[in-house]
Amino acid sequence: MKVDVPGRGAVDIRRVAVVGPAWTDFDTYKEACEYLHEAADAGYISFSGLMWFGRTNAGMLRQMVRDLADEYPDGTPRYDGVCMLPGWQSDGAAAFAAAVARTLGAAVMGLDEWVRALEPADAERSEEASGQ
C-alpha cells in the first residue's frame, strides 16, 4: 500500500513495527496496532508491536537493532516503517530505536502522522505530485 511519508512522498509500505517507550504495556501496543489497521482500511499493511522490557542496557539496545534490522530470507526488510507511540521522544531507548529505524531506511512517524498518512487520498495525491 502506498503511504504518504513526509519528505519522501508516496512509499510502498507492507509491514510497520509499533514502538513505544520501554514502560508501554502490551494492551497499548495491541490497541495501537488495531487502530492503525482500521485506519489503513485493511490495506495490506501488517502492524506489529515491538516491545523491549527492563532497564536500558547494551543487551536491550542490541536486541532493538536486531529486531529492526531483521530480514526475510530473500533479503527483504521485515519492517518498512516504524510507528512511534506517544512519549517516545523523552524515552532514551525509544529514541534510539527511532534513530536505528531511520538509519535502516524505514519510514518513522508518530501515531497521529501514520493515521494521516494512511488516508488513501493523501498517498495518491503525493504519488501524482512526485510523478510515480
N, C-alpha and C. Protein backbone atom coordinates (compact mmCIF):
# COMPACT_ATOMS: atom_id res chain seq x y z
N MET A 1 0.85 -1.17 0.00
CA MET A 1 0.00 0.00 0.00
C MET A 1 0.90 1.24 0.00
N LYS A 2 0.56 2.20 -0.81
CA LYS A 2 1.29 3.46 -0.85
C LYS A 2 0.88 4.33 0.34
N VAL A 3 1.88 4.85 1.03
CA VAL A 3 1.66 5.70 2.20
C VAL A 3 2.43 6.99 1.99
N ASP A 4 1.79 8.12 2.28
CA ASP A 4 2.43 9.42 2.14
C ASP A 4 3.36 9.65 3.33
N VAL A 5 4.67 9.61 3.08
CA VAL A 5 5.68 9.80 4.11
C VAL A 5 6.27 11.20 3.93
N PRO A 6 6.15 12.06 4.94
CA PRO A 6 6.71 13.42 4.82
C PRO A 6 8.17 13.39 4.40
N GLY A 7 8.49 14.18 3.39
CA GLY A 7 9.85 14.27 2.90
C GLY A 7 10.24 13.19 1.92
N ARG A 8 9.39 12.17 1.75
CA ARG A 8 9.71 11.07 0.84
C ARG A 8 8.63 10.82 -0.18
N GLY A 9 7.45 11.40 0.02
CA GLY A 9 6.34 11.17 -0.90
C GLY A 9 5.68 9.83 -0.66
N ALA A 10 5.06 9.29 -1.70
CA ALA A 10 4.34 8.02 -1.58
C ALA A 10 5.34 6.87 -1.56
N VAL A 11 5.29 6.08 -0.50
CA VAL A 11 6.22 4.97 -0.31
C VAL A 11 5.40 3.70 -0.13
N ASP A 12 5.87 2.60 -0.74
CA ASP A 12 5.18 1.32 -0.60
C ASP A 12 5.53 0.74 0.77
N ILE A 13 4.52 0.57 1.60
CA ILE A 13 4.69 0.06 2.96
C ILE A 13 3.89 -1.22 3.12
N ARG A 14 4.55 -2.26 3.64
CA ARG A 14 3.86 -3.53 3.87
C ARG A 14 3.83 -3.92 5.35
N ARG A 15 4.90 -3.60 6.07
CA ARG A 15 5.00 -4.01 7.47
C ARG A 15 5.49 -2.84 8.32
N VAL A 16 4.75 -2.57 9.40
CA VAL A 16 5.09 -1.47 10.30
C VAL A 16 5.26 -2.01 11.71
N ALA A 17 6.39 -1.69 12.32
CA ALA A 17 6.63 -2.03 13.73
C ALA A 17 6.11 -0.89 14.58
N VAL A 18 5.36 -1.21 15.60
CA VAL A 18 4.85 -0.21 16.53
C VAL A 18 5.78 -0.23 17.74
N VAL A 19 6.41 0.92 18.02
CA VAL A 19 7.43 1.01 19.06
C VAL A 19 7.05 2.12 20.03
N GLY A 20 7.25 1.87 21.31
CA GLY A 20 6.95 2.89 22.31
C GLY A 20 7.99 2.92 23.39
N PRO A 21 7.80 3.79 24.34
CA PRO A 21 8.71 3.84 25.48
C PRO A 21 8.76 2.49 26.18
N ALA A 22 9.86 2.21 26.85
CA ALA A 22 10.07 0.90 27.48
C ALA A 22 8.96 0.56 28.48
N TRP A 23 8.30 1.57 29.03
CA TRP A 23 7.27 1.33 30.04
C TRP A 23 5.89 1.07 29.44
N THR A 24 5.73 1.12 28.11
CA THR A 24 4.43 0.93 27.49
C THR A 24 3.95 -0.50 27.70
N ASP A 25 2.69 -0.66 28.07
CA ASP A 25 2.18 -2.02 28.32
C ASP A 25 1.66 -2.68 27.05
N PHE A 26 1.50 -3.99 27.12
CA PHE A 26 1.09 -4.79 25.97
C PHE A 26 -0.24 -4.32 25.38
N ASP A 27 -1.21 -3.98 26.22
CA ASP A 27 -2.52 -3.56 25.73
C ASP A 27 -2.43 -2.30 24.87
N THR A 28 -1.53 -1.40 25.22
CA THR A 28 -1.35 -0.18 24.43
C THR A 28 -0.83 -0.52 23.04
N TYR A 29 0.14 -1.43 22.97
CA TYR A 29 0.65 -1.86 21.66
C TYR A 29 -0.46 -2.49 20.83
N LYS A 30 -1.23 -3.36 21.48
CA LYS A 30 -2.32 -4.07 20.79
C LYS A 30 -3.35 -3.08 20.26
N GLU A 31 -3.76 -2.13 21.09
CA GLU A 31 -4.73 -1.12 20.68
C GLU A 31 -4.20 -0.27 19.53
N ALA A 32 -2.93 0.11 19.60
CA ALA A 32 -2.34 0.92 18.53
C ALA A 32 -2.31 0.14 17.22
N CYS A 33 -1.95 -1.14 17.28
CA CYS A 33 -1.93 -1.96 16.06
C CYS A 33 -3.33 -2.08 15.46
N GLU A 34 -4.33 -2.30 16.30
CA GLU A 34 -5.71 -2.41 15.81
C GLU A 34 -6.18 -1.08 15.21
N TYR A 35 -5.85 0.02 15.88
CA TYR A 35 -6.24 1.35 15.41
C TYR A 35 -5.61 1.64 14.04
N LEU A 36 -4.33 1.32 13.90
CA LEU A 36 -3.65 1.56 12.63
C LEU A 36 -4.21 0.67 11.53
N HIS A 37 -4.52 -0.57 11.87
CA HIS A 37 -5.09 -1.47 10.86
C HIS A 37 -6.42 -0.93 10.36
N GLU A 38 -7.25 -0.42 11.27
CA GLU A 38 -8.53 0.17 10.87
C GLU A 38 -8.30 1.42 10.02
N ALA A 39 -7.31 2.23 10.40
CA ALA A 39 -7.02 3.45 9.63
C ALA A 39 -6.54 3.11 8.23
N ALA A 40 -5.83 2.00 8.10
CA ALA A 40 -5.34 1.58 6.79
C ALA A 40 -6.45 0.91 5.98
N ASP A 41 -7.61 0.75 6.60
CA ASP A 41 -8.76 0.13 5.94
C ASP A 41 -8.37 -1.23 5.38
N ALA A 42 -7.64 -2.00 6.21
CA ALA A 42 -7.17 -3.33 5.83
C ALA A 42 -6.39 -3.28 4.54
N GLY A 43 -5.60 -2.24 4.35
CA GLY A 43 -4.86 -2.00 3.12
C GLY A 43 -3.58 -2.78 2.96
N TYR A 44 -3.58 -4.02 3.35
CA TYR A 44 -2.44 -4.91 3.15
C TYR A 44 -1.18 -4.45 3.87
N ILE A 45 -1.35 -3.83 5.01
CA ILE A 45 -0.22 -3.46 5.85
C ILE A 45 -0.35 -4.24 7.14
N SER A 46 0.76 -4.83 7.57
CA SER A 46 0.79 -5.57 8.82
C SER A 46 1.40 -4.68 9.89
N PHE A 47 0.72 -4.56 11.02
CA PHE A 47 1.20 -3.77 12.14
C PHE A 47 1.50 -4.70 13.30
N SER A 48 2.71 -4.63 13.84
CA SER A 48 3.05 -5.50 14.97
C SER A 48 3.86 -4.71 15.99
N GLY A 49 3.56 -4.95 17.25
CA GLY A 49 4.25 -4.25 18.32
C GLY A 49 5.61 -4.86 18.61
N LEU A 50 6.62 -4.02 18.72
CA LEU A 50 7.94 -4.46 19.16
C LEU A 50 8.13 -3.94 20.58
N MET A 51 8.28 -4.85 21.52
CA MET A 51 8.39 -4.45 22.92
C MET A 51 9.72 -4.90 23.49
N TRP A 52 10.34 -4.01 24.20
CA TRP A 52 11.59 -4.32 24.89
C TRP A 52 11.39 -3.93 26.34
N PHE A 53 11.66 -4.87 27.23
CA PHE A 53 11.38 -4.65 28.66
C PHE A 53 12.66 -4.55 29.46
N GLY A 54 12.51 -4.02 30.64
CA GLY A 54 13.63 -3.96 31.57
C GLY A 54 14.42 -2.68 31.46
N ARG A 55 15.51 -2.66 32.18
CA ARG A 55 16.40 -1.50 32.16
C ARG A 55 17.04 -1.35 30.79
N THR A 56 17.29 -0.14 30.42
CA THR A 56 18.01 0.09 29.17
C THR A 56 19.47 -0.29 29.40
N ASN A 57 19.92 -1.28 28.69
CA ASN A 57 21.32 -1.70 28.78
C ASN A 57 21.78 -2.13 27.40
N ALA A 58 23.03 -2.52 27.30
CA ALA A 58 23.59 -2.88 25.99
C ALA A 58 22.86 -4.05 25.36
N GLY A 59 22.44 -5.03 26.16
CA GLY A 59 21.71 -6.18 25.62
C GLY A 59 20.39 -5.78 25.01
N MET A 60 19.67 -4.90 25.69
CA MET A 60 18.38 -4.42 25.18
C MET A 60 18.58 -3.64 23.88
N LEU A 61 19.60 -2.80 23.84
CA LEU A 61 19.85 -2.00 22.64
C LEU A 61 20.26 -2.88 21.47
N ARG A 62 21.07 -3.91 21.73
CA ARG A 62 21.44 -4.84 20.65
C ARG A 62 20.20 -5.56 20.12
N GLN A 63 19.29 -5.95 21.02
CA GLN A 63 18.06 -6.62 20.59
C GLN A 63 17.22 -5.69 19.73
N MET A 64 17.16 -4.40 20.07
CA MET A 64 16.43 -3.43 19.26
C MET A 64 16.98 -3.40 17.84
N VAL A 65 18.31 -3.32 17.75
CA VAL A 65 18.93 -3.26 16.42
C VAL A 65 18.62 -4.54 15.64
N ARG A 66 18.76 -5.69 16.28
CA ARG A 66 18.46 -6.97 15.60
C ARG A 66 17.01 -7.01 15.13
N ASP A 67 16.08 -6.63 15.99
CA ASP A 67 14.66 -6.68 15.63
C ASP A 67 14.35 -5.75 14.47
N LEU A 68 14.85 -4.53 14.52
CA LEU A 68 14.55 -3.55 13.48
C LEU A 68 15.27 -3.84 12.17
N ALA A 69 16.42 -4.51 12.23
CA ALA A 69 17.19 -4.82 11.03
C ALA A 69 16.85 -6.20 10.47
N ASP A 70 15.93 -6.91 11.09
CA ASP A 70 15.60 -8.27 10.66
C ASP A 70 15.13 -8.29 9.21
N GLU A 71 15.52 -9.34 8.50
CA GLU A 71 15.14 -9.50 7.10
C GLU A 71 14.54 -10.88 6.87
N TYR A 72 13.78 -10.98 5.81
CA TYR A 72 13.29 -12.27 5.35
C TYR A 72 14.43 -12.96 4.60
N PRO A 73 14.34 -14.27 4.36
CA PRO A 73 15.42 -14.98 3.67
C PRO A 73 15.80 -14.39 2.31
N ASP A 74 14.86 -13.72 1.64
CA ASP A 74 15.17 -13.13 0.34
C ASP A 74 15.83 -11.75 0.46
N GLY A 75 16.09 -11.31 1.68
CA GLY A 75 16.76 -10.02 1.90
C GLY A 75 15.81 -8.84 2.04
N THR A 76 14.51 -9.08 1.94
CA THR A 76 13.52 -8.02 2.11
C THR A 76 13.44 -7.64 3.58
N PRO A 77 13.50 -6.34 3.88
CA PRO A 77 13.40 -5.93 5.28
C PRO A 77 12.08 -6.38 5.90
N ARG A 78 12.13 -6.80 7.15
CA ARG A 78 10.91 -7.22 7.84
C ARG A 78 9.99 -6.01 8.07
N TYR A 79 10.57 -4.82 8.29
CA TYR A 79 9.77 -3.62 8.57
C TYR A 79 10.12 -2.50 7.60
N ASP A 80 9.08 -1.98 6.92
CA ASP A 80 9.24 -0.84 6.02
C ASP A 80 9.03 0.47 6.75
N GLY A 81 8.34 0.39 7.89
CA GLY A 81 8.02 1.58 8.65
C GLY A 81 7.99 1.30 10.13
N VAL A 82 8.07 2.37 10.91
CA VAL A 82 8.00 2.27 12.37
C VAL A 82 7.07 3.36 12.86
N CYS A 83 6.11 2.96 13.68
CA CYS A 83 5.17 3.89 14.30
C CYS A 83 5.60 4.09 15.75
N MET A 84 5.95 5.31 16.10
CA MET A 84 6.40 5.62 17.45
C MET A 84 5.19 6.07 18.28
N LEU A 85 5.00 5.40 19.43
CA LEU A 85 3.89 5.73 20.31
C LEU A 85 4.20 6.97 21.14
N PRO A 86 3.16 7.65 21.62
CA PRO A 86 3.37 8.87 22.41
C PRO A 86 4.36 8.65 23.56
N GLY A 87 5.19 9.66 23.78
CA GLY A 87 6.18 9.62 24.85
C GLY A 87 7.54 9.11 24.41
N TRP A 88 7.67 8.72 23.15
CA TRP A 88 8.93 8.13 22.71
C TRP A 88 10.09 9.14 22.71
N GLN A 89 9.79 10.42 22.47
CA GLN A 89 10.87 11.41 22.41
C GLN A 89 11.61 11.54 23.73
N SER A 90 10.91 11.33 24.84
CA SER A 90 11.54 11.50 26.16
C SER A 90 12.06 10.19 26.73
N ASP A 91 11.99 9.12 25.96
CA ASP A 91 12.50 7.82 26.39
C ASP A 91 13.74 7.49 25.57
N GLY A 92 14.87 7.39 26.23
CA GLY A 92 16.13 7.16 25.52
C GLY A 92 16.13 5.93 24.64
N ALA A 93 15.59 4.83 25.14
CA ALA A 93 15.58 3.59 24.36
C ALA A 93 14.70 3.72 23.12
N ALA A 94 13.53 4.33 23.26
CA ALA A 94 12.64 4.50 22.11
C ALA A 94 13.24 5.48 21.10
N ALA A 95 13.87 6.54 21.56
CA ALA A 95 14.53 7.48 20.65
C ALA A 95 15.66 6.78 19.90
N PHE A 96 16.37 5.89 20.58
CA PHE A 96 17.43 5.10 19.94
C PHE A 96 16.82 4.21 18.85
N ALA A 97 15.69 3.57 19.16
CA ALA A 97 15.01 2.71 18.18
C ALA A 97 14.61 3.52 16.95
N ALA A 98 14.11 4.74 17.14
CA ALA A 98 13.73 5.58 16.01
C ALA A 98 14.95 5.92 15.16
N ALA A 99 16.07 6.22 15.79
CA ALA A 99 17.29 6.54 15.05
C ALA A 99 17.78 5.33 14.26
N VAL A 100 17.72 4.16 14.87
CA VAL A 100 18.13 2.94 14.17
C VAL A 100 17.23 2.70 12.97
N ALA A 101 15.92 2.81 13.16
CA ALA A 101 14.97 2.58 12.07
C ALA A 101 15.21 3.55 10.92
N ARG A 102 15.44 4.82 11.23
CA ARG A 102 15.71 5.80 10.17
C ARG A 102 16.98 5.44 9.42
N THR A 103 18.00 5.03 10.16
CA THR A 103 19.27 4.65 9.54
C THR A 103 19.07 3.47 8.58
N LEU A 104 18.17 2.57 8.94
CA LEU A 104 17.89 1.40 8.10
C LEU A 104 16.97 1.72 6.93
N GLY A 105 16.48 2.95 6.85
CA GLY A 105 15.64 3.37 5.73
C GLY A 105 14.15 3.20 5.95
N ALA A 106 13.74 2.87 7.17
CA ALA A 106 12.31 2.72 7.45
C ALA A 106 11.65 4.10 7.58
N ALA A 107 10.38 4.16 7.23
CA ALA A 107 9.60 5.39 7.42
C ALA A 107 9.23 5.46 8.90
N VAL A 108 9.69 6.50 9.59
CA VAL A 108 9.45 6.64 11.03
C VAL A 108 8.55 7.83 11.27
N MET A 109 7.37 7.56 11.87
CA MET A 109 6.43 8.62 12.18
C MET A 109 5.70 8.30 13.47
N GLY A 110 5.11 9.33 14.07
CA GLY A 110 4.30 9.14 15.26
C GLY A 110 2.94 8.57 14.89
N LEU A 111 2.19 8.18 15.91
CA LEU A 111 0.88 7.55 15.70
C LEU A 111 -0.05 8.44 14.88
N ASP A 112 -0.17 9.71 15.24
CA ASP A 112 -1.06 10.62 14.50
C ASP A 112 -0.59 10.80 13.06
N GLU A 113 0.73 10.87 12.86
CA GLU A 113 1.25 11.02 11.50
C GLU A 113 0.91 9.80 10.65
N TRP A 114 1.01 8.60 11.23
CA TRP A 114 0.66 7.38 10.49
C TRP A 114 -0.81 7.39 10.11
N VAL A 115 -1.66 7.77 11.04
CA VAL A 115 -3.10 7.78 10.74
C VAL A 115 -3.39 8.73 9.58
N ARG A 116 -2.78 9.92 9.60
CA ARG A 116 -2.97 10.87 8.49
C ARG A 116 -2.40 10.31 7.20
N ALA A 117 -1.23 9.70 7.27
CA ALA A 117 -0.57 9.17 6.08
C ALA A 117 -1.31 7.99 5.47
N LEU A 118 -2.07 7.28 6.27
CA LEU A 118 -2.79 6.11 5.78
C LEU A 118 -4.06 6.46 5.02
N GLU A 119 -4.43 7.73 5.04
CA GLU A 119 -5.61 8.15 4.29
C GLU A 119 -5.30 7.99 2.81
N PRO A 120 -6.06 7.17 2.08
CA PRO A 120 -5.75 6.86 0.68
C PRO A 120 -5.59 8.08 -0.21
N ALA A 121 -6.40 9.09 -0.02
CA ALA A 121 -6.32 10.27 -0.89
C ALA A 121 -4.98 10.97 -0.74
N ASP A 122 -4.43 11.02 0.46
CA ASP A 122 -3.14 11.69 0.67
C ASP A 122 -2.03 10.98 -0.09
N ALA A 123 -1.96 9.67 -0.02
CA ALA A 123 -0.91 8.92 -0.71
C ALA A 123 -1.05 9.06 -2.21
N GLU A 124 -2.28 9.04 -2.72
CA GLU A 124 -2.49 9.17 -4.15
C GLU A 124 -2.06 10.54 -4.65
N ARG A 125 -2.42 11.61 -3.91
CA ARG A 125 -2.00 12.96 -4.31
C ARG A 125 -0.50 13.09 -4.29
N SER A 126 0.15 12.53 -3.27
CA SER A 126 1.60 12.62 -3.17
C SER A 126 2.27 11.86 -4.31
N GLU A 127 1.70 10.71 -4.69
CA GLU A 127 2.25 9.92 -5.77
C GLU A 127 2.14 10.67 -7.09
N GLU A 128 1.00 11.33 -7.31
CA GLU A 128 0.80 12.10 -8.54
C GLU A 128 1.77 13.27 -8.59
N ALA A 129 1.98 13.93 -7.46
CA ALA A 129 2.87 15.09 -7.41
C ALA A 129 4.32 14.70 -7.66
N SER A 130 4.71 13.50 -7.21
CA SER A 130 6.09 13.07 -7.40
C SER A 130 6.30 12.43 -8.76
N GLY A 131 5.21 12.18 -9.51
CA GLY A 131 5.31 11.62 -10.85
C GLY A 131 5.54 10.13 -10.87
N GLN A 132 5.29 9.43 -9.78
CA GLN A 132 5.50 7.98 -9.74
C GLN A 132 4.27 7.23 -10.16
